[in-house]
Amino acid sequence: MHIEKTAAGCRLRIEGEMTVSSAADIRDEILAALPATSRDEVEVDLSGVSEIDTAGLQIMLQLKRRCGTRLRLVNHSPAVIEILDMSNLAAQFGDPLVIPSGECPPSQA
């Protein structure tokens, strides 16, 4: 995971798996990186997520609960798009999902 402090808050870039085997470590890193003030924005770049299961989804939901409207999820990887589609939780996060032209999640193919 790459963590960058910004003027508005912080930007996190998650790489690799967000699965049950790595969830505790990822959660601890994310929580430690969160800004101390409640006004700071938190941007999470999901482009590097290669695999995600319900444990990873729980981390995203925990972030949303903690950060509310300050959280922005960006650059959703195909794995993230697929789990959000399967769980019907995309609207829960309120962030736009960009699906490249000619591609769609497997459940819509």
Protein backbone atom coordinates (compact mmCIF):
# COMPACT_ATOMS: atom_id res chain seq x y z
CA MET A 1 0.00 0.00 0.00
CA HIS A 2 1.21 3.48 -0.85
CA ILE A 3 0.18 6.34 1.42
CA GLU A 4 0.53 9.96 0.40
CA LYS A 5 -0.39 12.97 2.50
CA THR A 6 -2.15 15.68 0.50
CA ALA A 7 -3.24 19.22 1.28
CA ALA A 8 -6.83 18.00 1.61
CA GLY A 9 -6.08 14.83 3.60
CA CYS A 10 -4.52 11.61 2.32
CA ARG A 11 -4.44 9.36 -0.71
CA LEU A 12 -4.08 5.60 -0.34
CA ARG A 13 -3.23 3.27 -3.21
CA ILE A 14 -3.95 -0.36 -2.45
CA GLU A 15 -2.08 -2.98 -4.46
CA GLY A 16 -2.48 -6.73 -4.59
CA GLU A 17 -5.07 -8.80 -2.80
CA MET A 18 -7.73 -7.60 -0.38
CA THR A 19 -8.66 -11.04 0.86
CA VAL A 20 -9.14 -12.76 4.18
CA SER A 21 -5.43 -13.62 4.32
CA SER A 22 -4.36 -9.95 4.08
CA ALA A 23 -7.41 -8.10 5.44
CA ALA A 24 -6.16 -7.51 9.00
CA ASP A 25 -2.85 -6.04 7.83
CA ILE A 26 -4.53 -3.83 5.22
CA ARG A 27 -7.14 -2.63 7.72
CA ASP A 28 -4.48 -1.73 10.28
CA GLU A 29 -2.41 0.17 7.68
CA ILE A 30 -5.44 2.09 6.44
CA LEU A 31 -6.67 3.02 9.91
CA ALA A 32 -3.19 4.21 10.90
CA ALA A 33 -3.03 6.38 7.76
CA LEU A 34 -6.38 8.10 8.22
CA PRO A 35 -6.18 11.84 8.90
CA ALA A 36 -6.60 12.93 12.49
CA THR A 37 -9.22 15.57 11.73
CA SER A 38 -12.73 14.77 10.62
CA ARG A 39 -12.66 17.36 7.81
CA ASP A 40 -9.79 15.83 5.84
CA GLU A 41 -10.56 13.91 2.66
CA VAL A 42 -9.54 10.30 2.13
CA GLU A 43 -9.04 9.12 -1.44
CA VAL A 44 -8.52 5.39 -2.03
CA ASP A 45 -7.11 4.33 -5.41
CA LEU A 46 -8.28 0.78 -6.09
CA SER A 47 -6.62 0.33 -9.50
CA GLY A 48 -3.99 -2.05 -8.09
CA VAL A 49 -6.42 -4.44 -6.39
CA SER A 50 -5.94 -7.79 -8.13
CA GLU A 51 -8.34 -9.83 -6.00
CA ILE A 52 -10.95 -8.95 -3.40
CA ASP A 53 -13.34 -11.05 -1.33
CA THR A 54 -15.90 -10.23 1.35
CA ALA A 55 -13.13 -9.47 3.87
CA GLY A 56 -11.84 -6.75 1.54
CA LEU A 57 -15.37 -5.51 1.01
CA GLN A 58 -15.78 -5.27 4.79
CA ILE A 59 -12.68 -3.05 4.93
CA MET A 60 -14.23 -0.73 2.33
CA LEU A 61 -17.51 -0.62 4.27
CA GLN A 62 -15.64 0.12 7.51
CA LEU A 63 -13.85 2.99 5.78
CA LYS A 64 -17.14 4.36 4.49
CA ARG A 65 -18.66 4.18 7.97
CA ARG A 66 -15.69 5.95 9.50
CA CYS A 67 -15.13 8.61 6.83
CA GLY A 68 -18.62 9.14 5.42
CA THR A 69 -18.72 11.68 2.61
CA ARG A 70 -14.99 12.43 3.05
CA LEU A 71 -14.18 9.06 1.43
CA ARG A 72 -13.66 8.85 -2.32
CA LEU A 73 -12.97 5.54 -4.03
CA VAL A 74 -11.29 5.99 -7.42
CA ASN A 75 -9.90 3.88 -10.27
CA HIS A 76 -11.86 0.74 -9.42
CA SER A 77 -10.08 -2.38 -10.70
CA PRO A 78 -12.08 -5.10 -12.52
CA ALA A 79 -11.99 -7.23 -9.34
CA VAL A 80 -13.48 -4.38 -7.27
CA ILE A 81 -16.15 -3.67 -9.89
CA GLU A 82 -17.09 -7.34 -9.92
CA ILE A 83 -17.55 -7.65 -6.13
CA LEU A 84 -19.48 -4.37 -5.94
CA ASP A 85 -21.74 -5.62 -8.74
CA MET A 86 -22.24 -9.06 -7.16
CA SER A 87 -22.98 -7.59 -3.73
CA ASN A 88 -25.13 -4.77 -5.13
CA LEU A 89 -23.24 -2.29 -2.93
CA ALA A 90 -21.90 0.19 -5.49
CA ALA A 91 -24.50 2.80 -4.54
CA GLN A 92 -23.52 2.44 -0.86
CA PHE A 93 -20.23 4.16 -1.59
CA GLY A 94 -21.65 6.92 -3.79
CA ASP A 95 -18.63 7.01 -6.09
CA PRO A 96 -18.90 6.71 -9.86
CA LEU A 97 -17.73 3.43 -11.34
CA VAL A 98 -16.03 3.86 -14.69
CA ILE A 99 -16.33 0.80 -16.88
CA PRO A 100 -14.22 1.05 -20.06
CA SER A 101 -16.13 0.86 -23.33
CA GLY A 102 -16.68 -2.73 -24.44
CA GLU A 103 -16.24 -4.17 -20.96
CA CYS A 104 -18.81 -5.11 -18.38
CA PRO A 105 -18.77 -7.12 -15.17
CA PRO A 106 -19.11 -10.88 -15.81
CA SER A 107 -22.63 -11.04 -14.40
CA GLN A 108 -23.85 -8.64 -17.12
CA ALA A 109 -22.11 -10.37 -20.05
